[in-house]
Amino acid sequence: ARGARAEGVRVLAIDGLTHMNPGAEVVSEHLRGLCAEEGIVHVDASAALRAAEARGLTTRFRRDEHWTAAGHAAVAAALDEALR
């Protein structure tokens, strides 16, 4: 991240850990803290996906963990917000 910033590049981390693994809160919190320390934009994809599901959208396919179009849209909206 430091090298990228020296070149004028913004670095971001997309964190979808807790959406895929509800037991990963500790890892996700560590990542959030590391991002804050290093000046990396942290995007909480898990929160975006859960919010979309709360609105009644299906964000993952039933038979696997891949995102549906609604899941991709939710994460894209979170990315858009983080980059503004």
PDB file of N, CA and C in Angstrom:
ATOM      1  N   ALA A   1       0.829  -1.201   0.000  1.00  0.00           N
ATOM      2  CA  ALA A   1       0.000   0.000   0.000  1.00  0.00           C
ATOM      3  C   ALA A   1       0.867   1.257   0.000  1.00  0.00           C
ATOM      4  N   ARG A   2       1.960   1.234   0.755  1.00  0.00           N
ATOM      5  CA  ARG A   2       2.822   2.421   0.802  1.00  0.00           C
ATOM      6  C   ARG A   2       3.414   2.727  -0.568  1.00  0.00           C
ATOM      7  N   GLY A   3       3.891   1.682  -1.235  1.00  0.00           N
ATOM      8  CA  GLY A   3       4.457   1.871  -2.566  1.00  0.00           C
ATOM      9  C   GLY A   3       3.421   2.379  -3.552  1.00  0.00           C
ATOM     10  N   ALA A   4       2.226   1.866  -3.457  1.00  0.00           N
ATOM     11  CA  ALA A   4       1.156   2.308  -4.344  1.00  0.00           C
ATOM     12  C   ALA A   4       0.822   3.773  -4.097  1.00  0.00           C
ATOM     13  N   ARG A   5       0.727   4.156  -2.813  1.00  0.00           N
ATOM     14  CA  ARG A   5       0.436   5.560  -2.495  1.00  0.00           C
ATOM     15  C   ARG A   5       1.529   6.473  -3.019  1.00  0.00           C
ATOM     16  N   ALA A   6       2.788   6.037  -2.949  1.00  0.00           N
ATOM     17  CA  ALA A   6       3.898   6.833  -3.453  1.00  0.00           C
ATOM     18  C   ALA A   6       3.754   7.094  -4.952  1.00  0.00           C
ATOM     19  N   GLU A   7       3.060   6.187  -5.637  1.00  0.00           N
ATOM     20  CA  GLU A   7       2.810   6.340  -7.065  1.00  0.00           C
ATOM     21  C   GLU A   7       1.476   7.014  -7.352  1.00  0.00           C
ATOM     22  N   GLY A   8       0.767   7.434  -6.292  1.00  0.00           N
ATOM     23  CA  GLY A   8      -0.519   8.107  -6.466  1.00  0.00           C
ATOM     24  C   GLY A   8      -1.700   7.179  -6.671  1.00  0.00           C
ATOM     25  N   VAL A   9      -1.551   5.924  -6.284  1.00  0.00           N
ATOM     26  CA  VAL A   9      -2.598   4.928  -6.470  1.00  0.00           C
ATOM     27  C   VAL A   9      -3.313   4.683  -5.156  1.00  0.00           C
ATOM     28  N   ARG A  10      -4.627   4.627  -5.191  1.00  0.00           N
ATOM     29  CA  ARG A  10      -5.410   4.268  -4.009  1.00  0.00           C
ATOM     30  C   ARG A  10      -5.551   2.762  -3.952  1.00  0.00           C
ATOM     31  N   VAL A  11      -5.372   2.210  -2.776  1.00  0.00           N
ATOM     32  CA  VAL A  11      -5.504   0.772  -2.583  1.00  0.00           C
ATOM     33  C   VAL A  11      -6.780   0.529  -1.788  1.00  0.00           C
ATOM     34  N   LEU A  12      -7.512  -0.492  -2.176  1.00  0.00           N
ATOM     35  CA  LEU A  12      -8.701  -0.837  -1.406  1.00  0.00           C
ATOM     36  C   LEU A  12      -8.755  -2.339  -1.196  1.00  0.00           C
ATOM     37  N   ALA A  13      -9.404  -2.734  -0.120  1.00  0.00           N
ATOM     38  CA  ALA A  13      -9.605  -4.138   0.206  1.00  0.00           C
ATOM     39  C   ALA A  13     -11.099  -4.390   0.289  1.00  0.00           C
ATOM     40  N   ILE A  14     -11.557  -5.380  -0.442  1.00  0.00           N
ATOM     41  CA  ILE A  14     -12.962  -5.763  -0.402  1.00  0.00           C
ATOM     42  C   ILE A  14     -13.076  -6.946   0.552  1.00  0.00           C
ATOM     43  N   ASP A  15     -13.788  -6.742   1.632  1.00  0.00           N
ATOM     44  CA  ASP A  15     -13.884  -7.726   2.707  1.00  0.00           C
ATOM     45  C   ASP A  15     -15.267  -8.367   2.696  1.00  0.00           C
ATOM     46  N   GLY A  16     -15.309  -9.608   2.245  1.00  0.00           N
ATOM     47  CA  GLY A  16     -16.556 -10.361   2.254  1.00  0.00           C
ATOM     48  C   GLY A  16     -16.472 -11.572   3.165  1.00  0.00           C
ATOM     49  N   LEU A  17     -15.525 -11.533   4.090  1.00  0.00           N
ATOM     50  CA  LEU A  17     -15.247 -12.707   4.920  1.00  0.00           C
ATOM     51  C   LEU A  17     -16.430 -13.177   5.740  1.00  0.00           C
ATOM     52  N   THR A  18     -17.105 -12.263   6.433  1.00  0.00           N
ATOM     53  CA  THR A  18     -18.159 -12.713   7.346  1.00  0.00           C
ATOM     54  C   THR A  18     -19.419 -13.146   6.618  1.00  0.00           C
ATOM     55  N   HIS A  19     -19.602 -12.705   5.393  1.00  0.00           N
ATOM     56  CA  HIS A  19     -20.755 -13.157   4.624  1.00  0.00           C
ATOM     57  C   HIS A  19     -20.568 -14.613   4.231  1.00  0.00           C
ATOM     58  N   MET A  20     -19.338 -14.982   3.923  1.00  0.00           N
ATOM     59  CA  MET A  20     -19.025 -16.351   3.524  1.00  0.00           C
ATOM     60  C   MET A  20     -18.830 -17.263   4.735  1.00  0.00           C
ATOM     61  N   ASN A  21     -18.329 -16.694   5.824  1.00  0.00           N
ATOM     62  CA  ASN A  21     -17.997 -17.481   7.008  1.00  0.00           C
ATOM     63  C   ASN A  21     -18.364 -16.675   8.251  1.00  0.00           C
ATOM     64  N   PRO A  22     -19.526 -16.905   8.820  1.00  0.00           N
ATOM     65  CA  PRO A  22     -19.960 -16.121   9.988  1.00  0.00           C
ATOM     66  C   PRO A  22     -18.989 -16.160  11.168  1.00  0.00           C
ATOM     67  N   GLY A  23     -18.069 -17.105  11.210  1.00  0.00           N
ATOM     68  CA  GLY A  23     -17.095 -17.168  12.293  1.00  0.00           C
ATOM     69  C   GLY A  23     -15.853 -16.323  12.055  1.00  0.00           C
ATOM     70  N   ALA A  24     -15.826 -15.566  10.987  1.00  0.00           N
ATOM     71  CA  ALA A  24     -14.618 -14.823  10.601  1.00  0.00           C
ATOM     72  C   ALA A  24     -14.585 -13.391  11.109  1.00  0.00           C
ATOM     73  N   GLU A  25     -15.431 -13.050  12.084  1.00  0.00           N
ATOM     74  CA  GLU A  25     -15.476 -11.664  12.557  1.00  0.00           C
ATOM     75  C   GLU A  25     -14.117 -11.162  13.034  1.00  0.00           C
ATOM     76  N   VAL A  26     -13.355 -12.005  13.720  1.00  0.00           N
ATOM     77  CA  VAL A  26     -12.054 -11.588  14.246  1.00  0.00           C
ATOM     78  C   VAL A  26     -11.106 -11.248  13.104  1.00  0.00           C
ATOM     79  N   VAL A  27     -11.099 -12.067  12.075  1.00  0.00           N
ATOM     80  CA  VAL A  27     -10.231 -11.821  10.930  1.00  0.00           C
ATOM     81  C   VAL A  27     -10.660 -10.543  10.218  1.00  0.00           C
ATOM     82  N   SER A  28     -11.954 -10.373  10.046  1.00  0.00           N
ATOM     83  CA  SER A  28     -12.473  -9.189   9.381  1.00  0.00           C
ATOM     84  C   SER A  28     -12.129  -7.920  10.165  1.00  0.00           C
ATOM     85  N   GLU A  29     -12.272  -7.961  11.465  1.00  0.00           N
ATOM     86  CA  GLU A  29     -11.919  -6.797  12.293  1.00  0.00           C
ATOM     87  C   GLU A  29     -10.424  -6.495  12.220  1.00  0.00           C
ATOM     88  N   HIS A  30      -9.604  -7.535  12.185  1.00  0.00           N
ATOM     89  CA  HIS A  30      -8.160  -7.336  12.035  1.00  0.00           C
ATOM     90  C   HIS A  30      -7.860  -6.661  10.695  1.00  0.00           C
ATOM     91  N   LEU A  31      -8.503  -7.126   9.633  1.00  0.00           N
ATOM     92  CA  LEU A  31      -8.317  -6.526   8.318  1.00  0.00           C
ATOM     93  C   LEU A  31      -8.744  -5.063   8.324  1.00  0.00           C
ATOM     94  N   ARG A  32      -9.880  -4.774   8.954  1.00  0.00           N
ATOM     95  CA  ARG A  32     -10.365  -3.387   9.033  1.00  0.00           C
ATOM     96  C   ARG A  32      -9.333  -2.503   9.744  1.00  0.00           C
ATOM     97  N   GLY A  33      -8.759  -2.991  10.844  1.00  0.00           N
ATOM     98  CA  GLY A  33      -7.750  -2.228  11.577  1.00  0.00           C
ATOM     99  C   GLY A  33      -6.481  -2.033  10.774  1.00  0.00           C
ATOM    100  N   LEU A  34      -6.037  -3.080  10.098  1.00  0.00           N
ATOM    101  CA  LEU A  34      -4.845  -2.980   9.266  1.00  0.00           C
ATOM    102  C   LEU A  34      -5.053  -1.964   8.150  1.00  0.00           C
ATOM    103  N   CYS A  35      -6.226  -1.988   7.544  1.00  0.00           N
ATOM    104  CA  CYS A  35      -6.541  -1.020   6.490  1.00  0.00           C
ATOM    105  C   CYS A  35      -6.479   0.407   7.037  1.00  0.00           C
ATOM    106  N   ALA A  36      -7.036   0.618   8.210  1.00  0.00           N
ATOM    107  CA  ALA A  36      -7.010   1.950   8.821  1.00  0.00           C
ATOM    108  C   ALA A  36      -5.577   2.399   9.079  1.00  0.00           C
ATOM    109  N   GLU A  37      -4.752   1.502   9.582  1.00  0.00           N
ATOM    110  CA  GLU A  37      -3.354   1.836   9.868  1.00  0.00           C
ATOM    111  C   GLU A  37      -2.565   2.162   8.606  1.00  0.00           C
ATOM    112  N   GLU A  38      -2.852   1.459   7.534  1.00  0.00           N
ATOM    113  CA  GLU A  38      -2.069   1.585   6.310  1.00  0.00           C
ATOM    114  C   GLU A  38      -2.676   2.527   5.270  1.00  0.00           C
ATOM    115  N   GLY A  39      -3.803   3.143   5.609  1.00  0.00           N
ATOM    116  CA  GLY A  39      -4.428   4.062   4.663  1.00  0.00           C
ATOM    117  C   GLY A  39      -5.073   3.366   3.478  1.00  0.00           C
ATOM    118  N   ILE A  40      -5.536   2.154   3.709  1.00  0.00           N
ATOM    119  CA  ILE A  40      -6.200   1.377   2.663  1.00  0.00           C
ATOM    120  C   ILE A  40      -7.706   1.543   2.825  1.00  0.00           C
ATOM    121  N   VAL A  41      -8.400   1.761   1.722  1.00  0.00           N
ATOM    122  CA  VAL A  41      -9.859   1.871   1.762  1.00  0.00           C
ATOM    123  C   VAL A  41     -10.429   0.485   2.023  1.00  0.00           C
ATOM    124  N   HIS A  42     -11.222   0.351   3.075  1.00  0.00           N
ATOM    125  CA  HIS A  42     -11.845  -0.935   3.428  1.00  0.00           C
ATOM    126  C   HIS A  42     -13.296  -0.903   2.981  1.00  0.00           C
ATOM    127  N   VAL A  43     -13.677  -1.872   2.170  1.00  0.00           N
ATOM    128  CA  VAL A  43     -15.057  -1.986   1.694  1.00  0.00           C
ATOM    129  C   VAL A  43     -15.665  -3.230   2.327  1.00  0.00           C
ATOM    130  N   ASP A  44     -16.716  -3.047   3.104  1.00  0.00           N
ATOM    131  CA  ASP A  44     -17.357  -4.160   3.791  1.00  0.00           C
ATOM    132  C   ASP A  44     -18.428  -4.772   2.892  1.00  0.00           C
ATOM    133  N   ALA A  45     -17.993  -5.697   2.039  1.00  0.00           N
ATOM    134  CA  ALA A  45     -18.925  -6.349   1.124  1.00  0.00           C
ATOM    135  C   ALA A  45     -19.941  -7.186   1.883  1.00  0.00           C
ATOM    136  N   SER A  46     -19.537  -7.733   3.022  1.00  0.00           N
ATOM    137  CA  SER A  46     -20.468  -8.552   3.815  1.00  0.00           C
ATOM    138  C   SER A  46     -21.671  -7.729   4.255  1.00  0.00           C
ATOM    139  N   ALA A  47     -21.423  -6.533   4.741  1.00  0.00           N
ATOM    140  CA  ALA A  47     -22.521  -5.671   5.183  1.00  0.00           C
ATOM    141  C   ALA A  47     -23.426  -5.318   4.009  1.00  0.00           C
ATOM    142  N   ALA A  48     -22.829  -5.035   2.861  1.00  0.00           N
ATOM    143  CA  ALA A  48     -23.624  -4.695   1.676  1.00  0.00           C
ATOM    144  C   ALA A  48     -24.495  -5.869   1.251  1.00  0.00           C
ATOM    145  N   LEU A  49     -23.935  -7.067   1.291  1.00  0.00           N
ATOM    146  CA  LEU A  49     -24.696  -8.257   0.904  1.00  0.00           C
ATOM    147  C   LEU A  49     -25.809  -8.553   1.900  1.00  0.00           C
ATOM    148  N   ARG A  50     -25.513  -8.409   3.189  1.00  0.00           N
ATOM    149  CA  ARG A  50     -26.560  -8.640   4.203  1.00  0.00           C
ATOM    150  C   ARG A  50     -27.682  -7.606   4.078  1.00  0.00           C
ATOM    151  N   ALA A  51     -27.331  -6.364   3.797  1.00  0.00           N
ATOM    152  CA  ALA A  51     -28.356  -5.321   3.636  1.00  0.00           C
ATOM    153  C   ALA A  51     -29.255  -5.635   2.436  1.00  0.00           C
ATOM    154  N   ALA A  52     -28.659  -6.105   1.346  1.00  0.00           N
ATOM    155  CA  ALA A  52     -29.452  -6.463   0.170  1.00  0.00           C
ATOM    156  C   ALA A  52     -30.379  -7.634   0.490  1.00  0.00           C
ATOM    157  N   GLU A  53     -29.868  -8.602   1.231  1.00  0.00           N
ATOM    158  CA  GLU A  53     -30.707  -9.745   1.629  1.00  0.00           C
ATOM    159  C   GLU A  53     -31.846  -9.296   2.536  1.00  0.00           C
ATOM    160  N   ALA A  54     -31.593  -8.334   3.392  1.00  0.00           N
ATOM    161  CA  ALA A  54     -32.640  -7.810   4.284  1.00  0.00           C
ATOM    162  C   ALA A  54     -33.745  -7.123   3.477  1.00  0.00           C
ATOM    163  N   ARG A  55     -33.394  -6.629   2.288  1.00  0.00           N
ATOM    164  CA  ARG A  55     -34.388  -6.013   1.399  1.00  0.00           C
ATOM    165  C   ARG A  55     -35.089  -7.055   0.542  1.00  0.00           C
ATOM    166  N   GLY A  56     -34.795  -8.339   0.797  1.00  0.00           N
ATOM    167  CA  GLY A  56     -35.472  -9.413   0.080  1.00  0.00           C
ATOM    168  C   GLY A  56     -34.766  -9.882  -1.183  1.00  0.00           C
ATOM    169  N   LEU A  57     -33.556  -9.388  -1.446  1.00  0.00           N
ATOM    170  CA  LEU A  57     -32.831  -9.795  -2.643  1.00  0.00           C
ATOM    171  C   LEU A  57     -32.034 -11.073  -2.378  1.00  0.00           C
ATOM    172  N   THR A  58     -31.885 -11.884  -3.394  1.00  0.00           N
ATOM    173  CA  THR A  58     -31.067 -13.084  -3.303  1.00  0.00           C
ATOM    174  C   THR A  58     -29.682 -12.731  -3.825  1.00  0.00           C
ATOM    175  N   THR A  59     -28.670 -12.794  -2.954  1.00  0.00           N
ATOM    176  CA  THR A  59     -27.329 -12.341  -3.334  1.00  0.00           C
ATOM    177  C   THR A  59     -26.381 -13.471  -3.721  1.00  0.00           C
ATOM    178  N   ARG A  60     -26.748 -14.718  -3.405  1.00  0.00           N
ATOM    179  CA  ARG A  60     -25.909 -15.865  -3.757  1.00  0.00           C
ATOM    180  C   ARG A  60     -26.763 -16.936  -4.402  1.00  0.00           C
ATOM    181  N   PHE A  61     -26.129 -17.696  -5.270  1.00  0.00           N
ATOM    182  CA  PHE A  61     -26.831 -18.821  -5.862  1.00  0.00           C
ATOM    183  C   PHE A  61     -27.066 -19.895  -4.810  1.00  0.00           C
ATOM    184  N   ARG A  62     -28.129 -20.607  -4.936  1.00  0.00           N
ATOM    185  CA  ARG A  62     -28.528 -21.594  -3.942  1.00  0.00           C
ATOM    186  C   ARG A  62     -27.500 -22.722  -3.777  1.00  0.00           C
ATOM    187  N   ARG A  63     -26.876 -23.117  -4.851  1.00  0.00           N
ATOM    188  CA  ARG A  63     -25.994 -24.291  -4.799  1.00  0.00           C
ATOM    189  C   ARG A  63     -24.524 -23.969  -4.593  1.00  0.00           C
ATOM    190  N   ASP A  64     -24.153 -22.715  -4.618  1.00  0.00           N
ATOM    191  CA  ASP A  64     -22.755 -22.360  -4.379  1.00  0.00           C
ATOM    192  C   ASP A  64     -22.677 -20.965  -3.783  1.00  0.00           C
ATOM    193  N   GLU A  65     -21.492 -20.494  -3.558  1.00  0.00           N
ATOM    194  CA  GLU A  65     -21.303 -19.206  -2.881  1.00  0.00           C
ATOM    195  C   GLU A  65     -21.137 -18.028  -3.833  1.00  0.00           C
ATOM    196  N   HIS A  66     -21.247 -18.251  -5.146  1.00  0.00           N
ATOM    197  CA  HIS A  66     -21.076 -17.151  -6.088  1.00  0.00           C
ATOM    198  C   HIS A  66     -22.225 -16.151  -5.977  1.00  0.00           C
ATOM    199  N   TRP A  67     -21.896 -14.901  -6.221  1.00  0.00           N
ATOM    200  CA  TRP A  67     -22.904 -13.843  -6.138  1.00  0.00           C
ATOM    201  C   TRP A  67     -23.804 -13.864  -7.364  1.00  0.00           C
ATOM    202  N   THR A  68     -25.055 -13.550  -7.137  1.00  0.00           N
ATOM    203  CA  THR A  68     -26.008 -13.339  -8.224  1.00  0.00           C
ATOM    204  C   THR A  68     -25.804 -11.924  -8.753  1.00  0.00           C
ATOM    205  N   ALA A  69     -26.582 -11.539  -9.747  1.00  0.00           N
ATOM    206  CA  ALA A  69     -26.514 -10.162 -10.255  1.00  0.00           C
ATOM    207  C   ALA A  69     -26.833  -9.171  -9.133  1.00  0.00           C
ATOM    208  N   ALA A  70     -27.785  -9.512  -8.269  1.00  0.00           N
ATOM    209  CA  ALA A  70     -28.137  -8.633  -7.146  1.00  0.00           C
ATOM    210  C   ALA A  70     -26.978  -8.523  -6.161  1.00  0.00           C
ATOM    211  N   GLY A  71     -26.260  -9.605  -5.953  1.00  0.00           N
ATOM    212  CA  GLY A  71     -25.097  -9.570  -5.073  1.00  0.00           C
ATOM    213  C   GLY A  71     -24.011  -8.683  -5.643  1.00  0.00           C
ATOM    214  N   HIS A  72     -23.750  -8.824  -6.932  1.00  0.00           N
ATOM    215  CA  HIS A  72     -22.750  -7.972  -7.584  1.00  0.00           C
ATOM    216  C   HIS A  72     -23.159  -6.502  -7.510  1.00  0.00           C
ATOM    217  N   ALA A  73     -24.429  -6.233  -7.713  1.00  0.00           N
ATOM    218  CA  ALA A  73     -24.908  -4.847  -7.655  1.00  0.00           C
ATOM    219  C   ALA A  73     -24.741  -4.272  -6.258  1.00  0.00           C
ATOM    220  N   ALA A  74     -24.998  -5.065  -5.225  1.00  0.00           N
ATOM    221  CA  ALA A  74     -24.856  -4.583  -3.853  1.00  0.00           C
ATOM    222  C   ALA A  74     -23.408  -4.240  -3.541  1.00  0.00           C
ATOM    223  N   VAL A  75     -22.490  -5.107  -3.964  1.00  0.00           N
ATOM    224  CA  VAL A  75     -21.067  -4.850  -3.715  1.00  0.00           C
ATOM    225  C   VAL A  75     -20.591  -3.674  -4.556  1.00  0.00           C
ATOM    226  N   ALA A  76     -21.060  -3.565  -5.784  1.00  0.00           N
ATOM    227  CA  ALA A  76     -20.688  -2.429  -6.643  1.00  0.00           C
ATOM    228  C   ALA A  76     -21.143  -1.112  -6.008  1.00  0.00           C
ATOM    229  N   ALA A  77     -22.329  -1.093  -5.433  1.00  0.00           N
ATOM    230  CA  ALA A  77     -22.812   0.121  -4.764  1.00  0.00           C
ATOM    231  C   ALA A  77     -21.922   0.466  -3.564  1.00  0.00           C
ATOM    232  N   ALA A  78     -21.489  -0.551  -2.812  1.00  0.00           N
ATOM    233  CA  ALA A  78     -20.594  -0.308  -1.672  1.00  0.00           C
ATOM    234  C   ALA A  78     -19.251   0.226  -2.152  1.00  0.00           C
ATOM    235  N   LEU A  79     -18.739  -0.313  -3.255  1.00  0.00           N
ATOM    236  CA  LEU A  79     -17.483   0.182  -3.832  1.00  0.00           C
ATOM    237  C   LEU A  79     -17.638   1.629  -4.288  1.00  0.00           C
ATOM    238  N   ASP A  80     -18.730   1.912  -4.952  1.00  0.00           N
ATOM    239  CA  ASP A  80     -18.983   3.274  -5.427  1.00  0.00           C
ATOM    240  C   ASP A  80     -18.994   4.250  -4.250  1.00  0.00           C
ATOM    241  N   GLU A  81     -19.671   3.876  -3.189  1.00  0.00           N
ATOM    242  CA  GLU A  81     -19.740   4.748  -2.010  1.00  0.00           C
ATOM    243  C   GLU A  81     -18.353   4.932  -1.380  1.00  0.00           C
ATOM    244  N   ALA A  82     -17.593   3.858  -1.271  1.00  0.00           N
ATOM    245  CA  ALA A  82     -16.271   3.935  -0.644  1.00  0.00           C
ATOM    246  C   ALA A  82     -15.307   4.800  -1.453  1.00  0.00           C
ATOM    247  N   LEU A  83     -15.437   4.771  -2.754  1.00  0.00           N
ATOM    248  CA  LEU A  83     -14.504   5.514  -3.609  1.00  0.00           C
ATOM    249  C   LEU A  83     -14.883   6.975  -3.756  1.00  0.00           C
ATOM    250  N   ARG A  84     -16.077   7.327  -3.342  1.00  0.00           N
ATOM    251  CA  ARG A  84     -16.471   8.742  -3.432  1.00  0.00           C
ATOM    252  C   ARG A  84     -15.891   9.435  -2.260  1.00  0.00           C
TER     253      ARG A  84
END
